[in-house]
């Protein structure tokens, strides 16, 4: 699993899915199947 932190967003890249977690608001997951 790769974890990136950019400003106010955390990016988790795991099993062809990228999950963006924004601290104060919402957790959203996007399926970015290539």
N, C-alpha and C. Protein backbone atom coordinates (compact mmCIF):
# COMPACT_ATOMS: atom_id res chain seq x y z
N UNK A 1 0.85 -1.18 0.00
CA UNK A 1 0.00 0.00 0.00
C UNK A 1 0.88 1.23 0.00
N UNK A 2 0.55 2.17 -0.87
CA UNK A 2 1.26 3.44 -0.91
C UNK A 2 0.39 4.52 -0.29
N UNK A 3 0.99 5.34 0.57
CA UNK A 3 0.25 6.42 1.21
C UNK A 3 0.91 7.75 0.86
N UNK A 4 0.11 8.67 0.32
CA UNK A 4 0.64 9.98 -0.02
C UNK A 4 -0.12 11.03 0.76
N UNK A 5 0.58 12.08 1.16
CA UNK A 5 -0.09 13.18 1.85
C UNK A 5 0.18 14.46 1.09
N UNK A 6 -0.88 15.16 0.71
CA UNK A 6 -0.72 16.39 -0.05
C UNK A 6 -1.67 17.44 0.50
N UNK A 7 -1.16 18.39 1.26
CA UNK A 7 -2.00 19.43 1.82
C UNK A 7 -2.99 18.84 2.79
N UNK A 8 -4.26 18.82 2.39
CA UNK A 8 -5.30 18.33 3.28
C UNK A 8 -5.86 16.99 2.85
N UNK A 9 -5.20 16.36 1.86
CA UNK A 9 -5.74 15.09 1.38
C UNK A 9 -4.75 13.96 1.63
N UNK A 10 -5.26 12.82 2.06
CA UNK A 10 -4.48 11.60 2.09
C UNK A 10 -4.86 10.75 0.90
N UNK A 11 -3.85 10.16 0.26
CA UNK A 11 -4.11 9.29 -0.88
C UNK A 11 -3.64 7.89 -0.52
N UNK A 12 -4.54 6.95 -0.56
CA UNK A 12 -4.17 5.55 -0.36
C UNK A 12 -4.33 4.81 -1.67
N UNK A 13 -3.26 4.15 -2.13
CA UNK A 13 -3.38 3.39 -3.36
C UNK A 13 -3.25 1.91 -3.02
N UNK A 14 -4.32 1.16 -3.27
CA UNK A 14 -4.39 -0.22 -2.81
C UNK A 14 -5.33 -1.00 -3.70
N UNK A 15 -4.86 -2.12 -4.24
CA UNK A 15 -5.69 -3.01 -5.06
C UNK A 15 -6.41 -2.27 -6.18
N UNK A 16 -5.65 -1.51 -6.96
CA UNK A 16 -6.21 -0.78 -8.11
C UNK A 16 -7.28 0.22 -7.71
N UNK A 17 -7.32 0.60 -6.44
CA UNK A 17 -8.27 1.63 -6.02
C UNK A 17 -7.49 2.75 -5.36
N UNK A 18 -7.90 3.96 -5.65
CA UNK A 18 -7.31 5.10 -4.96
C UNK A 18 -8.37 5.69 -4.04
N UNK A 19 -8.02 5.82 -2.76
CA UNK A 19 -8.96 6.33 -1.78
C UNK A 19 -8.46 7.69 -1.31
N UNK A 20 -9.31 8.70 -1.44
CA UNK A 20 -8.95 10.04 -1.01
C UNK A 20 -9.71 10.33 0.29
N UNK A 21 -8.96 10.71 1.31
CA UNK A 21 -9.61 11.06 2.57
C UNK A 21 -9.32 12.52 2.88
N UNK A 22 -10.37 13.33 2.91
CA UNK A 22 -10.21 14.73 3.24
C UNK A 22 -10.59 14.91 4.71
N UNK A 23 -9.68 15.47 5.49
CA UNK A 23 -9.78 15.44 6.94
C UNK A 23 -11.16 15.83 7.46
N UNK A 24 -11.60 17.01 7.09
CA UNK A 24 -12.71 17.60 7.83
C UNK A 24 -14.07 17.26 7.24
N UNK A 25 -14.08 16.63 6.06
CA UNK A 25 -15.37 16.51 5.39
C UNK A 25 -15.77 15.06 5.14
N UNK A 26 -15.23 14.44 4.15
CA UNK A 26 -15.79 13.17 3.66
C UNK A 26 -14.69 12.21 3.24
N UNK A 27 -14.97 10.95 3.34
CA UNK A 27 -14.09 9.94 2.78
C UNK A 27 -14.72 9.41 1.49
N UNK A 28 -13.97 9.47 0.41
CA UNK A 28 -14.50 9.03 -0.88
C UNK A 28 -13.51 8.05 -1.50
N UNK A 29 -14.05 7.01 -2.08
CA UNK A 29 -13.18 6.05 -2.76
C UNK A 29 -13.51 6.01 -4.24
N UNK A 30 -12.48 6.00 -5.07
CA UNK A 30 -12.66 5.94 -6.51
C UNK A 30 -11.99 4.68 -7.04
N UNK A 31 -12.67 3.98 -7.89
CA UNK A 31 -12.08 2.82 -8.53
C UNK A 31 -11.43 3.28 -9.83
N UNK A 32 -10.10 3.18 -9.91
CA UNK A 32 -9.37 3.71 -11.07
C UNK A 32 -8.78 2.57 -11.89
N UNK A 33 -9.60 1.52 -12.07
CA UNK A 33 -9.10 0.36 -12.79
C UNK A 33 -8.54 0.78 -14.15
N UNK A 34 -7.28 0.42 -14.36
CA UNK A 34 -6.61 0.85 -15.58
C UNK A 34 -6.73 -0.26 -16.63
